[in-house]
Amino acid sequence: MTPEAFLNFSVEAGFVLLVISVLLALVRLAQGPSLPDRVVALDMMTVAIVSFCGLVAIRVGQNAFLDVAMVLALVGFLATVALARFAERRLVRQNGDEGPSS
């Protein structure tokens, strides 16, 4: 097996595994059962889509897809932090506790 054939096989296998992981995360996102489960599923989908951009960059040989992946990773990180903050405030309101003021 040549290195090019092995790389093509690895990229194809990566695409298949990423599709499976996004589908499984979508099921977790839909079923829940709790908000933290949904946040983790959304974060997992973001990581899978960033990986997809990396595989596309390898496949087509364009470095621009790596820039897209980096921006998407940063936006996904900020979204995860915002959702975690929302979940924390929601929990504080439900329990009636006095949390840190901000």
Protein backbone atom coordinates (compact mmCIF):
# COMPACT_ATOMS: atom_id res chain seq x y z
CA MET A 1 0.00 0.00 0.00
CA THR A 2 1.43 3.36 -1.03
CA PRO A 3 1.50 6.33 1.35
CA GLU A 4 -1.03 8.18 -0.83
CA ALA A 5 -3.44 5.24 -0.73
CA PHE A 6 -3.05 4.96 3.03
CA LEU A 7 -3.71 8.69 3.46
CA ASN A 8 -6.82 8.46 1.27
CA PHE A 9 -8.09 5.49 3.25
CA SER A 10 -7.42 7.27 6.56
CA VAL A 11 -9.23 10.42 5.45
CA GLU A 12 -12.23 8.41 4.23
CA ALA A 13 -12.36 6.45 7.49
CA GLY A 14 -12.12 9.73 9.39
CA PHE A 15 -15.09 11.14 7.48
CA VAL A 16 -17.18 8.06 8.28
CA LEU A 17 -16.27 8.17 11.97
CA LEU A 18 -17.00 11.90 12.18
CA VAL A 19 -20.44 11.45 10.64
CA ILE A 20 -21.18 8.73 13.18
CA SER A 21 -19.99 10.92 16.06
CA VAL A 22 -22.10 13.88 14.90
CA LEU A 23 -25.17 11.65 14.63
CA LEU A 24 -24.62 10.23 18.11
CA ALA A 25 -24.14 13.72 19.53
CA LEU A 26 -27.31 14.83 17.77
CA VAL A 27 -29.21 12.02 19.48
CA ARG A 28 -27.79 13.09 22.86
CA LEU A 29 -28.67 16.71 22.08
CA ALA A 30 -32.27 15.78 21.30
CA GLN A 31 -32.79 13.34 24.20
CA GLY A 32 -30.99 15.22 26.94
CA PRO A 33 -32.08 14.50 29.65
CA SER A 34 -30.50 17.54 31.29
CA LEU A 35 -29.08 20.85 30.15
CA PRO A 36 -25.45 19.87 30.90
CA ASP A 37 -25.89 16.76 28.71
CA ARG A 38 -27.09 18.95 25.87
CA VAL A 39 -24.21 21.42 26.32
CA VAL A 40 -21.66 18.60 26.19
CA ALA A 41 -23.33 17.15 23.08
CA LEU A 42 -23.23 20.54 21.38
CA ASP A 43 -19.56 20.93 22.28
CA MET A 44 -18.85 17.46 20.91
CA MET A 45 -20.57 18.37 17.66
CA THR A 46 -18.44 21.51 17.41
CA VAL A 47 -15.25 19.50 17.89
CA ALA A 48 -16.39 17.00 15.25
CA ILE A 49 -17.12 19.78 12.77
CA VAL A 50 -13.70 21.34 13.43
CA SER A 51 -12.18 17.91 12.74
CA PHE A 52 -14.25 17.70 9.56
CA CYS A 53 -12.74 21.01 8.40
CA GLY A 54 -9.28 19.58 9.09
CA LEU A 55 -10.01 16.49 7.04
CA VAL A 56 -11.35 18.59 4.18
CA ALA A 57 -8.15 20.67 4.29
CA ILE A 58 -6.11 17.48 3.95
CA ARG A 59 -8.36 16.13 1.19
CA VAL A 60 -8.37 19.22 -1.05
CA GLY A 61 -4.99 20.63 -0.03
CA GLN A 62 -6.32 24.07 0.91
CA ASN A 63 -5.00 25.71 4.09
CA ALA A 64 -8.00 28.08 4.17
CA PHE A 65 -10.08 25.31 5.74
CA LEU A 66 -7.69 25.29 8.69
CA ASP A 67 -8.47 28.97 9.27
CA VAL A 68 -12.17 28.14 9.21
CA ALA A 69 -11.56 25.34 11.70
CA MET A 70 -9.67 27.66 14.04
CA VAL A 71 -12.41 30.30 13.99
CA LEU A 72 -15.08 27.66 14.52
CA ALA A 73 -13.15 26.22 17.46
CA LEU A 74 -12.93 29.66 19.08
CA VAL A 75 -16.63 30.34 18.55
CA GLY A 76 -17.49 26.87 19.89
CA PHE A 77 -15.39 27.50 22.99
CA LEU A 78 -17.10 30.83 23.65
CA ALA A 79 -20.52 29.25 23.14
CA THR A 80 -19.70 26.47 25.59
CA VAL A 81 -18.54 28.98 28.20
CA ALA A 82 -21.68 31.06 27.70
CA LEU A 83 -23.95 28.03 28.01
CA ALA A 84 -22.12 26.86 31.14
CA ARG A 85 -22.57 30.31 32.66
CA PHE A 86 -26.27 30.22 31.76
CA ALA A 87 -26.65 26.78 33.34
CA GLU A 88 -24.88 27.96 36.49
CA ARG A 89 -27.14 30.99 36.87
CA ARG A 90 -30.20 28.86 36.24
CA LEU A 91 -29.13 26.42 38.94
CA VAL A 92 -28.50 29.26 41.39
CA ARG A 93 -31.97 30.69 40.72
CA GLN A 94 -33.62 27.28 41.17
CA ASN A 95 -31.88 26.63 44.49
CA GLY A 96 -32.30 30.16 45.75
CA ASP A 97 -28.65 30.29 46.73
CA GLU A 98 -26.61 33.45 46.79
CA GLY A 99 -23.93 32.99 44.20
CA PRO A 100 -21.12 35.31 43.21
CA SER A 101 -22.50 38.65 42.13
CA SER A 102 -21.83 39.60 38.52
